[in-house]
Amino acid sequence: QVHLVESGGGLVQAGASLRLSCATSGVPFFSIMGWFRQAPGKEREFVADINWTDITSYSESVKGRFTISRDNTKNTVYLQMNSLKPEDTAVYYCAVRVPGVSDFGSWGQGTQVTVSS
């Protein structure tokens, strides 16, 4: 069974950096790992994902500032967030899309990121 636990969120000032971590268990090797976020009053949106060959994709709003990576030896996925902006404030969720499934079907509990101006 897939289990995801996010950590690393917090309150920072604009321009600062944070690194989110997603500890995983039960994730099949040929899975795609993703980060999503949901701001108050808004729908959840895609942030970044990474596949088993380390091919990555990003939303336009974070491209060039955020970096997704994975450490298979630690079963952990990271989201390095630099040059944070107040509009990056949201709950950030880790998710997994297992082989043969078209959607991200397993989610963590989320970690809050708040960026003050």
C-alpha atoms as a PDB file:
ATOM      1  CA  GLN A   1       0.000   0.000   0.000  1.00  0.00           C
ATOM      2  CA  VAL A   2       1.279   3.438  -0.959  1.00  0.00           C
ATOM      3  CA  HIS A   3       2.047   5.822   1.905  1.00  0.00           C
ATOM      4  CA  LEU A   4       3.254   9.409   1.507  1.00  0.00           C
ATOM      5  CA  VAL A   5       4.335  11.849   4.232  1.00  0.00           C
ATOM      6  CA  GLU A   6       5.296  15.430   3.426  1.00  0.00           C
ATOM      7  CA  SER A   7       7.474  17.659   5.586  1.00  0.00           C
ATOM      8  CA  GLY A   8       9.526  20.831   5.362  1.00  0.00           C
ATOM      9  CA  GLY A   9       6.859  23.501   5.113  1.00  0.00           C
ATOM     10  CA  GLY A  10       6.948  26.692   7.118  1.00  0.00           C
ATOM     11  CA  LEU A  11       6.686  30.466   7.206  1.00  0.00           C
ATOM     12  CA  VAL A  12       9.304  32.389   5.239  1.00  0.00           C
ATOM     13  CA  GLN A  13       9.766  35.823   3.746  1.00  0.00           C
ATOM     14  CA  ALA A  14       9.572  36.537   0.053  1.00  0.00           C
ATOM     15  CA  GLY A  15      12.804  35.627  -1.701  1.00  0.00           C
ATOM     16  CA  ALA A  16      13.662  32.839   0.710  1.00  0.00           C
ATOM     17  CA  SER A  17      14.045  29.140  -0.024  1.00  0.00           C
ATOM     18  CA  LEU A  18      12.480  25.975   1.366  1.00  0.00           C
ATOM     19  CA  ARG A  19      12.937  22.308   0.619  1.00  0.00           C
ATOM     20  CA  LEU A  20       9.950  20.019   0.933  1.00  0.00           C
ATOM     21  CA  SER A  21      10.372  16.307   1.410  1.00  0.00           C
ATOM     22  CA  CYS A  22       7.994  13.440   0.690  1.00  0.00           C
ATOM     23  CA  ALA A  23       8.853  10.167   2.379  1.00  0.00           C
ATOM     24  CA  THR A  24       7.329   7.282   0.472  1.00  0.00           C
ATOM     25  CA  SER A  25       6.632   3.620   0.991  1.00  0.00           C
ATOM     26  CA  GLY A  26       4.968   1.031  -1.195  1.00  0.00           C
ATOM     27  CA  VAL A  27       5.515   3.029  -4.408  1.00  0.00           C
ATOM     28  CA  PRO A  28       6.147   0.856  -7.493  1.00  0.00           C
ATOM     29  CA  PHE A  29       9.371   1.621  -9.350  1.00  0.00           C
ATOM     30  CA  PHE A  30       7.786   2.765 -12.637  1.00  0.00           C
ATOM     31  CA  SER A  31       5.734   5.471 -10.956  1.00  0.00           C
ATOM     32  CA  ILE A  32       5.533   9.185 -11.513  1.00  0.00           C
ATOM     33  CA  MET A  33       5.872  11.337  -8.402  1.00  0.00           C
ATOM     34  CA  GLY A  34       4.323  14.759  -8.295  1.00  0.00           C
ATOM     35  CA  TRP A  35       3.902  17.862  -6.196  1.00  0.00           C
ATOM     36  CA  PHE A  36       0.654  19.811  -6.188  1.00  0.00           C
ATOM     37  CA  ARG A  37      -0.546  22.782  -4.168  1.00  0.00           C
ATOM     38  CA  GLN A  38      -3.798  24.311  -3.067  1.00  0.00           C
ATOM     39  CA  ALA A  39      -4.154  27.908  -1.958  1.00  0.00           C
ATOM     40  CA  PRO A  40      -7.124  29.097   0.137  1.00  0.00           C
ATOM     41  CA  GLY A  41     -10.225  29.443  -2.012  1.00  0.00           C
ATOM     42  CA  LYS A  42      -8.519  27.984  -5.074  1.00  0.00           C
ATOM     43  CA  GLU A  43      -8.460  24.616  -6.773  1.00  0.00           C
ATOM     44  CA  ARG A  44      -5.534  22.276  -6.377  1.00  0.00           C
ATOM     45  CA  GLU A  45      -2.939  22.838  -9.085  1.00  0.00           C
ATOM     46  CA  PHE A  46      -0.039  20.922 -10.523  1.00  0.00           C
ATOM     47  CA  VAL A  47       3.446  22.100  -9.535  1.00  0.00           C
ATOM     48  CA  ALA A  48       5.962  19.530 -10.797  1.00  0.00           C
ATOM     49  CA  ASP A  49       6.498  15.853 -11.453  1.00  0.00           C
ATOM     50  CA  ILE A  50       9.320  13.396 -12.046  1.00  0.00           C
ATOM     51  CA  ASN A  51       9.348   9.932 -13.573  1.00  0.00           C
ATOM     52  CA  TRP A  52      11.553   6.890 -12.983  1.00  0.00           C
ATOM     53  CA  THR A  53      14.159   8.151 -15.470  1.00  0.00           C
ATOM     54  CA  ASP A  54      14.297  11.549 -13.736  1.00  0.00           C
ATOM     55  CA  ILE A  55      12.471  13.341 -16.527  1.00  0.00           C
ATOM     56  CA  THR A  56      10.777  16.342 -14.962  1.00  0.00           C
ATOM     57  CA  SER A  57       8.031  18.809 -15.810  1.00  0.00           C
ATOM     58  CA  TYR A  58       6.939  22.023 -14.145  1.00  0.00           C
ATOM     59  CA  SER A  59       4.088  24.461 -14.179  1.00  0.00           C
ATOM     60  CA  GLU A  60       4.920  27.761 -15.814  1.00  0.00           C
ATOM     61  CA  SER A  61       4.436  29.594 -12.518  1.00  0.00           C
ATOM     62  CA  VAL A  62       7.338  27.769 -10.826  1.00  0.00           C
ATOM     63  CA  LYS A  63       9.619  26.938 -13.748  1.00  0.00           C
ATOM     64  CA  GLY A  64      13.138  28.209 -13.080  1.00  0.00           C
ATOM     65  CA  ARG A  65      12.505  28.608  -9.338  1.00  0.00           C
ATOM     66  CA  PHE A  66      11.490  25.116  -8.160  1.00  0.00           C
ATOM     67  CA  THR A  67      13.324  21.843  -8.673  1.00  0.00           C
ATOM     68  CA  ILE A  68      11.871  18.376  -8.140  1.00  0.00           C
ATOM     69  CA  SER A  69      14.191  15.461  -7.469  1.00  0.00           C
ATOM     70  CA  ARG A  70      14.080  11.964  -6.060  1.00  0.00           C
ATOM     71  CA  ASP A  71      16.456   9.831  -4.014  1.00  0.00           C
ATOM     72  CA  ASN A  72      15.531   6.215  -4.593  1.00  0.00           C
ATOM     73  CA  THR A  73      17.955   5.053  -1.886  1.00  0.00           C
ATOM     74  CA  LYS A  74      15.931   7.022   0.669  1.00  0.00           C
ATOM     75  CA  ASN A  75      12.504   6.562  -0.966  1.00  0.00           C
ATOM     76  CA  THR A  76      12.105  10.319  -0.836  1.00  0.00           C
ATOM     77  CA  VAL A  77      11.022  12.975  -3.304  1.00  0.00           C
ATOM     78  CA  TYR A  78      12.068  16.591  -2.833  1.00  0.00           C
ATOM     79  CA  LEU A  79      10.840  19.964  -3.981  1.00  0.00           C
ATOM     80  CA  GLN A  80      13.474  22.664  -3.722  1.00  0.00           C
ATOM     81  CA  MET A  81      11.739  26.034  -3.802  1.00  0.00           C
ATOM     82  CA  ASN A  82      13.827  29.158  -4.385  1.00  0.00           C
ATOM     83  CA  SER A  83      12.897  32.802  -4.794  1.00  0.00           C
ATOM     84  CA  LEU A  84       9.592  32.205  -3.057  1.00  0.00           C
ATOM     85  CA  LYS A  85       6.754  34.641  -3.666  1.00  0.00           C
ATOM     86  CA  PRO A  86       3.628  35.383  -1.594  1.00  0.00           C
ATOM     87  CA  GLU A  87       1.582  33.730  -4.350  1.00  0.00           C
ATOM     88  CA  ASP A  88       3.382  30.457  -3.605  1.00  0.00           C
ATOM     89  CA  THR A  89       1.516  30.312  -0.289  1.00  0.00           C
ATOM     90  CA  ALA A  90      -0.466  27.064  -0.239  1.00  0.00           C
ATOM     91  CA  VAL A  91      -0.710  23.596   1.184  1.00  0.00           C
ATOM     92  CA  TYR A  92       1.694  21.435  -0.795  1.00  0.00           C
ATOM     93  CA  TYR A  93       0.844  17.811  -1.481  1.00  0.00           C
ATOM     94  CA  CYS A  94       2.924  14.915  -2.687  1.00  0.00           C
ATOM     95  CA  ALA A  95       1.218  12.416  -4.973  1.00  0.00           C
ATOM     96  CA  VAL A  96       1.991   9.281  -6.960  1.00  0.00           C
ATOM     97  CA  ARG A  97       0.753   7.973 -10.287  1.00  0.00           C
ATOM     98  CA  VAL A  98       1.355   4.251 -10.439  1.00  0.00           C
ATOM     99  CA  PRO A  99       1.946   2.348 -13.704  1.00  0.00           C
ATOM    100  CA  GLY A 100      -1.135   1.807 -15.846  1.00  0.00           C
ATOM    101  CA  VAL A 101      -3.146   4.554 -14.169  1.00  0.00           C
ATOM    102  CA  SER A 102      -3.785   7.910 -15.817  1.00  0.00           C
ATOM    103  CA  ASP A 103      -4.251   9.982 -12.662  1.00  0.00           C
ATOM    104  CA  PHE A 104      -2.394  10.660  -9.452  1.00  0.00           C
ATOM    105  CA  GLY A 105      -4.278   8.387  -7.088  1.00  0.00           C
ATOM    106  CA  SER A 106      -2.430   8.470  -3.785  1.00  0.00           C
ATOM    107  CA  TRP A 107      -1.823  11.623  -1.782  1.00  0.00           C
ATOM    108  CA  GLY A 108      -0.042  12.748   1.331  1.00  0.00           C
ATOM    109  CA  GLN A 109      -1.590  14.871   4.073  1.00  0.00           C
ATOM    110  CA  GLY A 110       0.067  18.069   2.872  1.00  0.00           C
ATOM    111  CA  THR A 111       2.449  20.602   4.360  1.00  0.00           C
ATOM    112  CA  GLN A 112       1.745  24.316   4.710  1.00  0.00           C
ATOM    113  CA  VAL A 113       3.995  26.847   3.015  1.00  0.00           C
ATOM    114  CA  THR A 114       3.405  30.499   3.842  1.00  0.00           C
ATOM    115  CA  VAL A 115       5.397  33.268   2.165  1.00  0.00           C
ATOM    116  CA  SER A 116       5.126  36.739   3.651  1.00  0.00           C
ATOM    117  CA  SER A 117       5.762  39.893   1.658  1.00  0.00           C
END
